[in-house]
Amino acid sequence: MINAKRDSSILLKVSNLSVDFTTSSQNVSVVENISFNVNRGEIVAIVGESGCGKSVTCLSIAKLIDDSISSTSGSIVLTSVTGKYEILHLNKKTLRSLRGGKIAYVFQDPANSLNPVFKVKEQLCEAIDEHNPDIVDTEARATELLNLVGISDPSYRMNSYPCQLSGGMQQRVMIAMALAGNPEILIADEPTTALDVTVQSQILSLLKEINQRTQMSILFVTHNLGIVAQLADKVLIMYAGNIVESALISEIFNNPRHPYTKALLSSTPVLGSGKTILESIPGSVCSFSKDYKGCRFAQRCSLSKAIAQTSSECTLLIPNDVLVGYNHHCKCHFCI
C-alpha cells in the first residue's frame, strides 16, 4: 500500500471541465465548466440530487465516457508519484495502466460489478495480476486485502461466489479489488446506496480507516449530507452540472452560503431536532441546454424570488465563482 506522508500537495486538478451529450435535437450540457482539486490524503465529497452531474464528473476523471455520444473539454491532471498525466489526452494503453493502478473505482451496486460466475479468489487475483505482475503469491496478497477490508475468515470467503455474500461483504470485496493496484485516488460513486444503515456505517468507517492508514485520496459521491459529515474533509455541492459551493466540511454545515446548500441542509432529517415535517425544494431542475441563461437554480431559489422585483441578474446572468471565506467558494449573485 502507499505509505506517503500526509501533505497538502495537489494530486488531482480538474480545470474548466465540461461534458456535453449529443441528442437528436440538441447538445445537452451535463457538466458545465467546473474546477476543483483533490489533495493527497484528502477525502472530497461531491454532493447533489440525482442527475446533477456527479457520476459524469467522476467517469470523466477515468475517461470512461463514450466519445461517440459526448464531447469533453477542459483539463484533468493527475500528479502521480510516477509523473504528471493529462487524462483527457492519454492514449488507450496509458489509460488502461492508470485505471486501477493510479485511479480506482468503486460503483454503487456491487452485485452488478462482480462477475456472478467466478469466485471471489479468481476476480481478486486477476486484479492483482493486472496491476502487480511481480507478485508471485497472488492468493496470499488477495487474503491480505480481504483482511484489510474487514472480511472475517478470508480463506473461506475467497472460494465463495458473489451470490453467497451479503451486500456489505460484496462491497468490501469491491473495495479490496480497487486496492489491489495500490491506487493513489479512489473514486467511490455512492458505494453505500444499496446497503442498509448499519452496513453503510461500517463501509464509511472502513473507507476512513483506509484513508488514514494509507493516505490514499478519496473522491466520494453521495446525495446524503449526513454521510458527508462523518467522512469528508471538503465538500463540493453540485446542481445542474455546476459546482455551486465548495468549502471545508465545517464551513458547509456551520456557514452555508448558497441557497441550494441551505435548502439541502433544511431537507435533511436531524435526530432530536423536533421537526415533524421536512422542508422540500419546490419546482424541478431546469433545462440542461447550452442555450440556458442565468443561474440554473433561479427558478427554485427562495432568495431569487425575494429579490426578483428589484433585480433580473438571476435569470439573465451566469453567476461568477466568488471567494466568500477561507477555501470557501460560492456561485451566487447574492451570496456575499
C-alpha atoms as a PDB file:
ATOM      1  CA  MET A   1       0.000   0.000   0.000  1.00  0.00           C
ATOM      2  CA  ILE A   2       1.021   3.659  -0.371  1.00  0.00           C
ATOM      3  CA  ASN A   3       2.547   4.972   2.818  1.00  0.00           C
ATOM      4  CA  ALA A   4       3.369   8.550   1.800  1.00  0.00           C
ATOM      5  CA  LYS A   5       3.395  11.209   4.492  1.00  0.00           C
ATOM      6  CA  ARG A   6       0.312  13.385   4.548  1.00  0.00           C
ATOM      7  CA  ASP A   7       0.863  16.692   2.736  1.00  0.00           C
ATOM      8  CA  SER A   8      -1.231  19.353   1.056  1.00  0.00           C
ATOM      9  CA  SER A   9       0.112  18.912  -2.484  1.00  0.00           C
ATOM     10  CA  ILE A  10      -2.443  18.594  -5.259  1.00  0.00           C
ATOM     11  CA  LEU A  11      -2.956  15.053  -6.550  1.00  0.00           C
ATOM     12  CA  LEU A  12      -5.859  15.693  -8.931  1.00  0.00           C
ATOM     13  CA  LYS A  13      -6.570  19.046 -10.573  1.00  0.00           C
ATOM     14  CA  VAL A  14      -9.775  19.451 -12.611  1.00  0.00           C
ATOM     15  CA  SER A  15      -9.967  22.718 -14.559  1.00  0.00           C
ATOM     16  CA  ASN A  16     -12.892  24.068 -16.603  1.00  0.00           C
ATOM     17  CA  LEU A  17     -14.299  20.592 -17.208  1.00  0.00           C
ATOM     18  CA  SER A  18     -17.359  20.456 -19.451  1.00  0.00           C
ATOM     19  CA  VAL A  19     -19.173  17.359 -20.718  1.00  0.00           C
ATOM     20  CA  ASP A  20     -21.848  17.636 -23.419  1.00  0.00           C
ATOM     21  CA  PHE A  21     -24.070  14.832 -24.661  1.00  0.00           C
ATOM     22  CA  THR A  22     -25.488  14.908 -28.160  1.00  0.00           C
ATOM     23  CA  THR A  23     -29.171  14.143 -28.687  1.00  0.00           C
ATOM     24  CA  SER A  24     -31.200  14.118 -31.879  1.00  0.00           C
ATOM     25  CA  SER A  25     -32.330  17.694 -31.322  1.00  0.00           C
ATOM     26  CA  GLN A  26     -29.661  19.466 -29.236  1.00  0.00           C
ATOM     27  CA  ASN A  27     -26.435  19.368 -27.246  1.00  0.00           C
ATOM     28  CA  VAL A  28     -27.049  18.890 -23.532  1.00  0.00           C
ATOM     29  CA  SER A  29     -24.507  20.363 -21.104  1.00  0.00           C
ATOM     30  CA  VAL A  30     -24.401  17.768 -18.305  1.00  0.00           C
ATOM     31  CA  VAL A  31     -21.264  19.183 -16.668  1.00  0.00           C
ATOM     32  CA  GLU A  32     -20.519  22.851 -17.238  1.00  0.00           C
ATOM     33  CA  ASN A  33     -17.114  24.448 -16.707  1.00  0.00           C
ATOM     34  CA  ILE A  34     -16.317  23.036 -13.258  1.00  0.00           C
ATOM     35  CA  SER A  35     -12.974  23.223 -11.431  1.00  0.00           C
ATOM     36  CA  PHE A  36     -11.735  21.618  -8.215  1.00  0.00           C
ATOM     37  CA  ASN A  37      -8.672  19.999  -6.621  1.00  0.00           C
ATOM     38  CA  VAL A  38      -8.137  16.849  -4.581  1.00  0.00           C
ATOM     39  CA  ASN A  39      -5.061  16.955  -2.365  1.00  0.00           C
ATOM     40  CA  ARG A  40      -3.011  13.949  -1.337  1.00  0.00           C
ATOM     41  CA  GLY A  41      -4.599  12.096   1.562  1.00  0.00           C
ATOM     42  CA  GLU A  42      -7.782  14.160   1.322  1.00  0.00           C
ATOM     43  CA  ILE A  43     -11.385  12.942   1.236  1.00  0.00           C
ATOM     44  CA  VAL A  44     -13.529  15.126  -1.026  1.00  0.00           C
ATOM     45  CA  ALA A  45     -17.289  14.598  -1.268  1.00  0.00           C
ATOM     46  CA  ILE A  46     -19.425  15.583  -4.255  1.00  0.00           C
ATOM     47  CA  VAL A  47     -22.998  16.170  -3.092  1.00  0.00           C
ATOM     48  CA  GLY A  48     -26.168  16.863  -5.051  1.00  0.00           C
ATOM     49  CA  GLU A  49     -29.510  15.428  -6.065  1.00  0.00           C
ATOM     50  CA  SER A  50     -29.841  12.715  -8.707  1.00  0.00           C
ATOM     51  CA  GLY A  51     -28.989  13.849 -12.223  1.00  0.00           C
ATOM     52  CA  CYS A  52     -26.836  16.833 -11.251  1.00  0.00           C
ATOM     53  CA  GLY A  53     -23.680  15.518 -12.949  1.00  0.00           C
ATOM     54  CA  LYS A  54     -21.844  13.848 -10.051  1.00  0.00           C
ATOM     55  CA  SER A  55     -21.293  10.486 -11.724  1.00  0.00           C
ATOM     56  CA  VAL A  56     -20.475  12.001 -15.126  1.00  0.00           C
ATOM     57  CA  THR A  57     -17.788  14.123 -13.452  1.00  0.00           C
ATOM     58  CA  CYS A  58     -16.227  11.039 -11.862  1.00  0.00           C
ATOM     59  CA  LEU A  59     -16.451   8.955 -15.032  1.00  0.00           C
ATOM     60  CA  SER A  60     -14.643  11.754 -16.856  1.00  0.00           C
ATOM     61  CA  ILE A  61     -11.726  11.529 -14.418  1.00  0.00           C
ATOM     62  CA  ALA A  62     -11.078   7.949 -15.537  1.00  0.00           C
ATOM     63  CA  LYS A  63     -12.133   8.823 -19.120  1.00  0.00           C
ATOM     64  CA  LEU A  64     -14.901   6.214 -19.068  1.00  0.00           C
ATOM     65  CA  ILE A  65     -17.461   8.211 -21.084  1.00  0.00           C
ATOM     66  CA  ASP A  66     -18.167   7.084 -24.644  1.00  0.00           C
ATOM     67  CA  ASP A  67     -16.675   9.686 -27.011  1.00  0.00           C
ATOM     68  CA  SER A  68     -19.142   8.743 -29.752  1.00  0.00           C
ATOM     69  CA  ILE A  69     -22.079  10.283 -27.871  1.00  0.00           C
ATOM     70  CA  SER A  70     -20.323  13.007 -25.903  1.00  0.00           C
ATOM     71  CA  SER A  71     -17.671  15.682 -26.041  1.00  0.00           C
ATOM     72  CA  THR A  72     -15.400  16.554 -23.138  1.00  0.00           C
ATOM     73  CA  SER A  73     -13.299  19.688 -22.799  1.00  0.00           C
ATOM     74  CA  GLY A  74     -11.109  21.232 -20.130  1.00  0.00           C
ATOM     75  CA  SER A  75      -8.236  19.679 -18.209  1.00  0.00           C
ATOM     76  CA  ILE A  76      -7.854  16.778 -15.755  1.00  0.00           C
ATOM     77  CA  VAL A  77      -4.302  16.472 -14.431  1.00  0.00           C
ATOM     78  CA  LEU A  78      -3.161  13.643 -12.154  1.00  0.00           C
ATOM     79  CA  THR A  79       0.176  14.384 -10.464  1.00  0.00           C
ATOM     80  CA  SER A  80       1.236  10.858  -9.543  1.00  0.00           C
ATOM     81  CA  VAL A  81       4.387   9.727  -7.758  1.00  0.00           C
ATOM     82  CA  THR A  82       5.491   8.416 -11.171  1.00  0.00           C
ATOM     83  CA  GLY A  83       4.747  11.552 -13.182  1.00  0.00           C
ATOM     84  CA  LYS A  84       2.108  14.004 -14.359  1.00  0.00           C
ATOM     85  CA  TYR A  85      -0.743  12.869 -16.600  1.00  0.00           C
ATOM     86  CA  GLU A  86      -3.260  14.931 -18.581  1.00  0.00           C
ATOM     87  CA  ILE A  87      -6.075  12.369 -18.506  1.00  0.00           C
ATOM     88  CA  LEU A  88      -8.085  13.710 -21.447  1.00  0.00           C
ATOM     89  CA  HIS A  89      -5.092  13.441 -23.807  1.00  0.00           C
ATOM     90  CA  LEU A  90      -3.828   9.961 -22.911  1.00  0.00           C
ATOM     91  CA  ASN A  91      -3.807   7.016 -25.296  1.00  0.00           C
ATOM     92  CA  LYS A  92      -5.692   3.795 -24.503  1.00  0.00           C
ATOM     93  CA  LYS A  93      -2.610   1.889 -23.320  1.00  0.00           C
ATOM     94  CA  THR A  94      -1.634   4.519 -20.755  1.00  0.00           C
ATOM     95  CA  LEU A  95      -5.260   4.897 -19.621  1.00  0.00           C
ATOM     96  CA  ARG A  96      -5.501   1.154 -19.038  1.00  0.00           C
ATOM     97  CA  SER A  97      -2.472   1.241 -16.742  1.00  0.00           C
ATOM     98  CA  LEU A  98      -3.835   4.248 -14.825  1.00  0.00           C
ATOM     99  CA  ARG A  99      -7.280   2.741 -14.292  1.00  0.00           C
ATOM    100  CA  GLY A 100      -6.918   0.568 -11.254  1.00  0.00           C
ATOM    101  CA  GLY A 101      -3.225   1.335 -10.960  1.00  0.00           C
ATOM    102  CA  LYS A 102      -3.444   5.048 -10.099  1.00  0.00           C
ATOM    103  CA  ILE A 103      -7.200   5.693 -10.152  1.00  0.00           C
ATOM    104  CA  ALA A 104      -9.515   3.060  -8.672  1.00  0.00           C
ATOM    105  CA  TYR A 105     -13.297   2.996  -8.924  1.00  0.00           C
ATOM    106  CA  VAL A 106     -15.998   1.542  -6.648  1.00  0.00           C
ATOM    107  CA  PHE A 107     -19.542   1.645  -8.026  1.00  0.00           C
ATOM    108  CA  GLN A 108     -22.781   1.809  -6.069  1.00  0.00           C
ATOM    109  CA  ASP A 109     -24.131  -1.690  -6.772  1.00  0.00           C
ATOM    110  CA  PRO A 110     -21.542  -4.407  -6.077  1.00  0.00           C
ATOM    111  CA  ALA A 111     -23.923  -7.139  -7.234  1.00  0.00           C
ATOM    112  CA  ASN A 112     -23.718  -5.744 -10.778  1.00  0.00           C
ATOM    113  CA  SER A 113     -19.981  -5.060 -10.581  1.00  0.00           C
ATOM    114  CA  LEU A 114     -18.864  -8.558  -9.562  1.00  0.00           C
ATOM    115  CA  ASN A 115     -18.974 -11.381 -12.106  1.00  0.00           C
ATOM    116  CA  PRO A 116     -21.513 -13.934 -10.799  1.00  0.00           C
ATOM    117  CA  VAL A 117     -19.839 -16.967 -12.449  1.00  0.00           C
ATOM    118  CA  PHE A 118     -16.369 -16.509 -10.935  1.00  0.00           C
ATOM    119  CA  LYS A 119     -15.305 -16.976  -7.338  1.00  0.00           C
ATOM    120  CA  VAL A 120     -14.005 -14.056  -5.287  1.00  0.00           C
ATOM    121  CA  LYS A 121     -10.486 -15.511  -5.450  1.00  0.00           C
ATOM    122  CA  GLU A 122     -10.419 -15.534  -9.255  1.00  0.00           C
ATOM    123  CA  GLN A 123     -11.665 -11.957  -9.579  1.00  0.00           C
ATOM    124  CA  LEU A 124      -9.363 -10.558  -6.908  1.00  0.00           C
ATOM    125  CA  CYS A 125      -6.289 -12.405  -8.194  1.00  0.00           C
ATOM    126  CA  GLU A 126      -6.992 -11.144 -11.715  1.00  0.00           C
ATOM    127  CA  ALA A 127      -6.933  -7.549 -10.436  1.00  0.00           C
ATOM    128  CA  ILE A 128      -3.646  -8.213  -8.620  1.00  0.00           C
ATOM    129  CA  ASP A 129      -2.062  -9.802 -11.713  1.00  0.00           C
ATOM    130  CA  GLU A 130      -3.134  -6.872 -13.887  1.00  0.00           C
ATOM    131  CA  HIS A 131      -1.537  -4.160 -11.778  1.00  0.00           C
ATOM    132  CA  ASN A 132       1.150  -6.008  -9.789  1.00  0.00           C
ATOM    133  CA  PRO A 133       2.527  -8.754 -12.061  1.00  0.00           C
ATOM    134  CA  ASP A 134       5.677  -9.042  -9.905  1.00  0.00           C
ATOM    135  CA  ILE A 135       3.682 -10.542  -7.026  1.00  0.00           C
ATOM    136  CA  VAL A 136       4.270 -14.304  -7.113  1.00  0.00           C
ATOM    137  CA  ASP A 137       1.772 -15.464  -4.476  1.00  0.00           C
ATOM    138  CA  THR A 138      -1.377 -13.627  -5.594  1.00  0.00           C
ATOM    139  CA  GLU A 139      -3.616 -15.699  -3.312  1.00  0.00           C
ATOM    140  CA  ALA A 140      -1.644 -14.565  -0.261  1.00  0.00           C
ATOM    141  CA  ARG A 141      -1.980 -10.959  -1.415  1.00  0.00           C
ATOM    142  CA  ALA A 142      -5.726 -11.473  -2.017  1.00  0.00           C
ATOM    143  CA  THR A 143      -6.100 -12.844   1.514  1.00  0.00           C
ATOM    144  CA  GLU A 144      -4.209  -9.827   2.853  1.00  0.00           C
ATOM    145  CA  LEU A 145      -6.552  -7.441   1.006  1.00  0.00           C
ATOM    146  CA  LEU A 146      -9.669  -9.205   2.311  1.00  0.00           C
ATOM    147  CA  ASN A 147      -8.252  -8.917   5.816  1.00  0.00           C
ATOM    148  CA  LEU A 148      -7.608  -5.223   5.229  1.00  0.00           C
ATOM    149  CA  VAL A 149     -11.245  -4.564   4.316  1.00  0.00           C
ATOM    150  CA  GLY A 150     -12.519  -6.431   7.359  1.00  0.00           C
ATOM    151  CA  ILE A 151     -13.776  -9.705   5.903  1.00  0.00           C
ATOM    152  CA  SER A 152     -13.588 -12.453   8.505  1.00  0.00           C
ATOM    153  CA  ASP A 153     -12.222 -15.888   7.531  1.00  0.00           C
ATOM    154  CA  PRO A 154     -10.871 -14.592   4.177  1.00  0.00           C
ATOM    155  CA  SER A 155      -9.540 -18.020   3.137  1.00  0.00           C
ATOM    156  CA  TYR A 156     -13.095 -19.361   3.199  1.00  0.00           C
ATOM    157  CA  ARG A 157     -14.643 -16.307   1.523  1.00  0.00           C
ATOM    158  CA  MET A 158     -12.094 -16.473  -1.302  1.00  0.00           C
ATOM    159  CA  ASN A 159     -13.828 -19.604  -2.542  1.00  0.00           C
ATOM    160  CA  SER A 160     -17.317 -18.081  -2.395  1.00  0.00           C
ATOM    161  CA  TYR A 161     -19.323 -16.851  -5.356  1.00  0.00           C
ATOM    162  CA  PRO A 162     -20.678 -13.279  -5.141  1.00  0.00           C
ATOM    163  CA  CYS A 163     -24.239 -14.554  -4.644  1.00  0.00           C
ATOM    164  CA  GLN A 164     -23.102 -16.277  -1.451  1.00  0.00           C
ATOM    165  CA  LEU A 165     -22.065 -12.952   0.109  1.00  0.00           C
ATOM    166  CA  SER A 166     -24.206 -10.235   1.668  1.00  0.00           C
ATOM    167  CA  GLY A 167     -24.381  -6.797   0.044  1.00  0.00           C
ATOM    168  CA  GLY A 168     -21.955  -5.374   2.581  1.00  0.00           C
ATOM    169  CA  MET A 169     -19.438  -8.173   2.017  1.00  0.00           C
ATOM    170  CA  GLN A 170     -19.739  -7.765  -1.759  1.00  0.00           C
ATOM    171  CA  GLN A 171     -18.906  -4.076  -1.408  1.00  0.00           C
ATOM    172  CA  ARG A 172     -15.921  -4.941   0.791  1.00  0.00           C
ATOM    173  CA  VAL A 173     -14.696  -7.284  -1.957  1.00  0.00           C
ATOM    174  CA  MET A 174     -15.090  -4.461  -4.484  1.00  0.00           C
ATOM    175  CA  ILE A 175     -13.023  -2.171  -2.259  1.00  0.00           C
ATOM    176  CA  ALA A 176     -10.378  -4.910  -1.922  1.00  0.00           C
ATOM    177  CA  MET A 177     -10.255  -5.208  -5.725  1.00  0.00           C
ATOM    178  CA  ALA A 178      -9.900  -1.438  -6.004  1.00  0.00           C
ATOM    179  CA  LEU A 179      -6.971  -1.508  -3.561  1.00  0.00           C
ATOM    180  CA  ALA A 180      -5.263  -4.334  -5.475  1.00  0.00           C
ATOM    181  CA  GLY A 181      -3.459  -1.869  -7.742  1.00  0.00           C
ATOM    182  CA  ASN A 182      -2.202   0.376  -4.902  1.00  0.00           C
ATOM    183  CA  PRO A 183      -4.113   3.405  -6.262  1.00  0.00           C
ATOM    184  CA  GLU A 184      -3.372   6.968  -5.299  1.00  0.00           C
ATOM    185  CA  ILE A 185      -7.018   8.011  -5.511  1.00  0.00           C
ATOM    186  CA  LEU A 186     -10.205   6.016  -5.013  1.00  0.00           C
ATOM    187  CA  ILE A 187     -13.423   7.201  -6.656  1.00  0.00           C
ATOM    188  CA  ALA A 188     -16.419   5.866  -4.724  1.00  0.00           C
ATOM    189  CA  ASP A 189     -19.681   6.531  -6.583  1.00  0.00           C
ATOM    190  CA  GLU A 190     -22.441   6.216  -3.962  1.00  0.00           C
ATOM    191  CA  PRO A 191     -20.984   2.928  -2.660  1.00  0.00           C
ATOM    192  CA  THR A 192     -23.467   2.651   0.242  1.00  0.00           C
ATOM    193  CA  THR A 193     -26.733   3.354  -1.609  1.00  0.00           C
ATOM    194  CA  ALA A 194     -27.833  -0.287  -1.867  1.00  0.00           C
ATOM    195  CA  LEU A 195     -26.897  -1.139   1.733  1.00  0.00           C
ATOM    196  CA  ASP A 196     -28.820  -0.903   4.990  1.00  0.00           C
ATOM    197  CA  VAL A 197     -27.951   1.798   7.512  1.00  0.00           C
ATOM    198  CA  THR A 198     -25.781  -0.355   9.777  1.00  0.00           C
ATOM    199  CA  VAL A 199     -23.707  -1.701   6.887  1.00  0.00           C
ATOM    200  CA  GLN A 200     -23.449   1.819   5.418  1.00  0.00           C
ATOM    201  CA  SER A 201     -21.789   2.983   8.616  1.00  0.00           C
ATOM    202  CA  GLN A 202     -19.352   0.055   8.517  1.00  0.00           C
ATOM    203  CA  ILE A 203     -18.332   0.797   4.902  1.00  0.00           C
ATOM    204  CA  LEU A 204     -17.848   4.501   5.672  1.00  0.00           C
ATOM    205  CA  SER A 205     -15.696   3.661   8.695  1.00  0.00           C
ATOM    206  CA  LEU A 206     -13.683   1.271   6.513  1.00  0.00           C
ATOM    207  CA  LEU A 207     -13.030   3.958   3.871  1.00  0.00           C
ATOM    208  CA  LYS A 208     -11.995   6.444   6.570  1.00  0.00           C
ATOM    209  CA  GLU A 209      -9.658   3.884   8.142  1.00  0.00           C
ATOM    210  CA  ILE A 210      -8.050   3.037   4.774  1.00  0.00           C
ATOM    211  CA  ASN A 211      -7.566   6.747   4.061  1.00  0.00           C
ATOM    212  CA  GLN A 212      -5.865   7.316   7.404  1.00  0.00           C
ATOM    213  CA  ARG A 213      -3.717   4.201   7.139  1.00  0.00           C
ATOM    214  CA  THR A 214      -2.536   4.566   3.523  1.00  0.00           C
ATOM    215  CA  GLN A 215      -3.029   8.316   2.826  1.00  0.00           C
ATOM    216  CA  MET A 216      -4.947   7.355  -0.315  1.00  0.00           C
ATOM    217  CA  SER A 217      -7.145  10.221  -1.530  1.00  0.00           C
ATOM    218  CA  ILE A 218     -10.879   9.533  -1.924  1.00  0.00           C
ATOM    219  CA  LEU A 219     -13.429  11.257  -4.132  1.00  0.00           C
ATOM    220  CA  PHE A 220     -16.775  10.263  -2.645  1.00  0.00           C
ATOM    221  CA  VAL A 221     -20.097  10.766  -4.456  1.00  0.00           C
ATOM    222  CA  THR A 222     -23.340  10.951  -2.486  1.00  0.00           C
ATOM    223  CA  HIS A 223     -26.668  12.752  -2.164  1.00  0.00           C
ATOM    224  CA  ASN A 224     -26.668  12.259   1.599  1.00  0.00           C
ATOM    225  CA  LEU A 225     -25.235  15.152   3.624  1.00  0.00           C
ATOM    226  CA  GLY A 226     -25.400  13.025   6.762  1.00  0.00           C
ATOM    227  CA  ILE A 227     -22.799  10.690   5.279  1.00  0.00           C
ATOM    228  CA  VAL A 228     -20.577  13.618   4.350  1.00  0.00           C
ATOM    229  CA  ALA A 229     -20.435  14.883   7.933  1.00  0.00           C
ATOM    230  CA  GLN A 230     -18.655  11.793   9.229  1.00  0.00           C
ATOM    231  CA  LEU A 231     -16.364  11.150   6.256  1.00  0.00           C
ATOM    232  CA  ALA A 232     -15.197  14.125   4.190  1.00  0.00           C
ATOM    233  CA  ASP A 233     -12.599  16.845   4.635  1.00  0.00           C
ATOM    234  CA  LYS A 234     -14.008  19.033   1.857  1.00  0.00           C
ATOM    235  CA  VAL A 235     -17.377  19.219   0.090  1.00  0.00           C
ATOM    236  CA  LEU A 236     -18.397  20.180  -3.450  1.00  0.00           C
ATOM    237  CA  ILE A 237     -22.110  20.982  -3.832  1.00  0.00           C
ATOM    238  CA  MET A 238     -23.333  20.295  -7.387  1.00  0.00           C
ATOM    239  CA  TYR A 239     -26.520  21.458  -9.040  1.00  0.00           C
ATOM    240  CA  ALA A 240     -27.493  21.015 -12.712  1.00  0.00           C
ATOM    241  CA  GLY A 241     -23.937  20.436 -13.886  1.00  0.00           C
ATOM    242  CA  ASN A 242     -22.387  23.260 -11.835  1.00  0.00           C
ATOM    243  CA  ILE A 243     -20.389  23.319  -8.598  1.00  0.00           C
ATOM    244  CA  VAL A 244     -22.393  25.990  -6.779  1.00  0.00           C
ATOM    245  CA  GLU A 245     -20.481  25.887  -3.490  1.00  0.00           C
ATOM    246  CA  SER A 246     -17.268  24.328  -2.190  1.00  0.00           C
ATOM    247  CA  ALA A 247     -15.743  24.501   1.280  1.00  0.00           C
ATOM    248  CA  LEU A 248     -14.268  22.570   4.172  1.00  0.00           C
ATOM    249  CA  ILE A 249     -16.774  20.313   5.914  1.00  0.00           C
ATOM    250  CA  SER A 250     -17.152  22.581   8.945  1.00  0.00           C
ATOM    251  CA  GLU A 251     -17.906  25.620   6.767  1.00  0.00           C
ATOM    252  CA  ILE A 252     -20.610  23.855   4.771  1.00  0.00           C
ATOM    253  CA  PHE A 253     -22.505  22.855   7.906  1.00  0.00           C
ATOM    254  CA  ASN A 254     -21.866  25.950  10.021  1.00  0.00           C
ATOM    255  CA  ASN A 255     -21.857  28.687   7.407  1.00  0.00           C
ATOM    256  CA  PRO A 256     -23.599  27.615   4.158  1.00  0.00           C
ATOM    257  CA  ARG A 257     -23.817  30.482   1.675  1.00  0.00           C
ATOM    258  CA  HIS A 258     -25.570  29.220  -1.440  1.00  0.00           C
ATOM    259  CA  PRO A 259     -29.408  28.964  -1.329  1.00  0.00           C
ATOM    260  CA  TYR A 260     -29.241  25.420  -2.722  1.00  0.00           C
ATOM    261  CA  THR A 261     -26.857  24.276   0.026  1.00  0.00           C
ATOM    262  CA  LYS A 262     -29.126  25.827   2.642  1.00  0.00           C
ATOM    263  CA  ALA A 263     -32.132  24.067   1.097  1.00  0.00           C
ATOM    264  CA  LEU A 264     -30.330  20.704   1.151  1.00  0.00           C
ATOM    265  CA  LEU A 265     -29.436  21.137   4.818  1.00  0.00           C
ATOM    266  CA  SER A 266     -33.020  22.131   5.675  1.00  0.00           C
ATOM    267  CA  SER A 267     -34.364  18.998   3.992  1.00  0.00           C
ATOM    268  CA  THR A 268     -32.012  16.670   5.877  1.00  0.00           C
ATOM    269  CA  PRO A 269     -33.548  14.879   8.888  1.00  0.00           C
ATOM    270  CA  VAL A 270     -31.722  15.516  12.173  1.00  0.00           C
ATOM    271  CA  LEU A 271     -32.248  13.213  15.143  1.00  0.00           C
ATOM    272  CA  GLY A 272     -33.666  15.129  18.121  1.00  0.00           C
ATOM    273  CA  SER A 273     -34.403  18.310  16.162  1.00  0.00           C
ATOM    274  CA  GLY A 274     -38.140  18.097  16.877  1.00  0.00           C
ATOM    275  CA  LYS A 275     -39.062  18.557  13.207  1.00  0.00           C
ATOM    276  CA  THR A 276     -42.125  16.573  12.162  1.00  0.00           C
ATOM    277  CA  ILE A 277     -42.192  17.824   8.563  1.00  0.00           C
ATOM    278  CA  LEU A 278     -39.055  18.199   6.463  1.00  0.00           C
ATOM    279  CA  GLU A 279     -38.693  21.149   4.126  1.00  0.00           C
ATOM    280  CA  SER A 280     -38.596  20.455   0.395  1.00  0.00           C
ATOM    281  CA  ILE A 281     -37.199  22.289  -2.618  1.00  0.00           C
ATOM    282  CA  PRO A 282     -40.083  23.415  -4.839  1.00  0.00           C
ATOM    283  CA  GLY A 283     -40.103  23.088  -8.615  1.00  0.00           C
ATOM    284  CA  SER A 284     -37.941  20.894 -10.813  1.00  0.00           C
ATOM    285  CA  VAL A 285     -34.460  21.002 -12.296  1.00  0.00           C
ATOM    286  CA  CYS A 286     -34.073  23.415 -15.206  1.00  0.00           C
ATOM    287  CA  SER A 287     -33.129  22.607 -18.783  1.00  0.00           C
ATOM    288  CA  PHE A 288     -29.574  21.389 -19.401  1.00  0.00           C
ATOM    289  CA  SER A 289     -29.497  23.077 -22.800  1.00  0.00           C
ATOM    290  CA  LYS A 290     -26.317  25.017 -23.580  1.00  0.00           C
ATOM    291  CA  ASP A 291     -28.527  27.981 -24.527  1.00  0.00           C
ATOM    292  CA  TYR A 292     -29.863  28.314 -20.966  1.00  0.00           C
ATOM    293  CA  LYS A 293     -29.277  31.770 -19.487  1.00  0.00           C
ATOM    294  CA  GLY A 294     -28.785  32.858 -15.898  1.00  0.00           C
ATOM    295  CA  CYS A 295     -28.400  30.833 -12.719  1.00  0.00           C
ATOM    296  CA  ARG A 296     -29.750  27.295 -13.145  1.00  0.00           C
ATOM    297  CA  PHE A 297     -31.188  27.310  -9.625  1.00  0.00           C
ATOM    298  CA  ALA A 298     -33.026  30.625 -10.063  1.00  0.00           C
ATOM    299  CA  GLN A 299     -36.489  29.155 -10.717  1.00  0.00           C
ATOM    300  CA  ARG A 300     -36.393  27.179  -7.447  1.00  0.00           C
ATOM    301  CA  CYS A 301     -34.499  29.709  -5.320  1.00  0.00           C
ATOM    302  CA  SER A 302     -36.308  31.477  -2.481  1.00  0.00           C
ATOM    303  CA  LEU A 303     -33.655  34.229  -2.456  1.00  0.00           C
ATOM    304  CA  SER A 304     -34.099  34.854  -6.181  1.00  0.00           C
ATOM    305  CA  LYS A 305     -37.877  35.116  -5.784  1.00  0.00           C
ATOM    306  CA  ALA A 306     -37.486  37.574  -2.897  1.00  0.00           C
ATOM    307  CA  ILE A 307     -35.383  39.967  -4.967  1.00  0.00           C
ATOM    308  CA  ALA A 308     -36.988  39.376  -8.362  1.00  0.00           C
ATOM    309  CA  GLN A 309     -38.776  42.716  -8.305  1.00  0.00           C
ATOM    310  CA  THR A 310     -35.540  44.680  -7.945  1.00  0.00           C
ATOM    311  CA  SER A 311     -33.055  42.571  -9.946  1.00  0.00           C
ATOM    312  CA  SER A 312     -33.033  40.353 -13.045  1.00  0.00           C
ATOM    313  CA  GLU A 313     -29.450  39.113 -12.589  1.00  0.00           C
ATOM    314  CA  CYS A 314     -30.524  35.635 -11.507  1.00  0.00           C
ATOM    315  CA  THR A 315     -32.422  34.854 -14.706  1.00  0.00           C
ATOM    316  CA  LEU A 316     -30.165  36.683 -17.184  1.00  0.00           C
ATOM    317  CA  LEU A 317     -26.566  36.382 -15.966  1.00  0.00           C
ATOM    318  CA  ILE A 318     -24.477  33.340 -15.075  1.00  0.00           C
ATOM    319  CA  PRO A 319     -23.097  33.918 -11.544  1.00  0.00           C
ATOM    320  CA  ASN A 320     -19.338  34.052 -11.021  1.00  0.00           C
ATOM    321  CA  ASP A 321     -17.443  31.861  -8.598  1.00  0.00           C
ATOM    322  CA  VAL A 322     -16.868  34.105  -5.555  1.00  0.00           C
ATOM    323  CA  LEU A 323     -14.426  33.547  -2.683  1.00  0.00           C
ATOM    324  CA  VAL A 324     -16.526  34.111   0.451  1.00  0.00           C
ATOM    325  CA  GLY A 325     -14.146  32.742   3.070  1.00  0.00           C
ATOM    326  CA  TYR A 326     -11.038  30.635   3.586  1.00  0.00           C
ATOM    327  CA  ASN A 327     -11.171  27.996   0.804  1.00  0.00           C
ATOM    328  CA  HIS A 328     -14.893  28.714   0.626  1.00  0.00           C
ATOM    329  CA  HIS A 329     -16.318  29.404  -2.842  1.00  0.00           C
ATOM    330  CA  CYS A 330     -19.910  30.186  -3.791  1.00  0.00           C
ATOM    331  CA  LYS A 331     -21.510  30.636  -7.213  1.00  0.00           C
ATOM    332  CA  CYS A 332     -24.353  33.055  -6.490  1.00  0.00           C
ATOM    333  CA  HIS A 333     -25.012  36.729  -7.336  1.00  0.00           C
ATOM    334  CA  PHE A 334     -26.094  37.456  -3.746  1.00  0.00           C
ATOM    335  CA  CYS A 335     -24.030  35.115  -1.550  1.00  0.00           C
ATOM    336  CA  ILE A 336     -21.710  37.870  -0.251  1.00  0.00           C
END
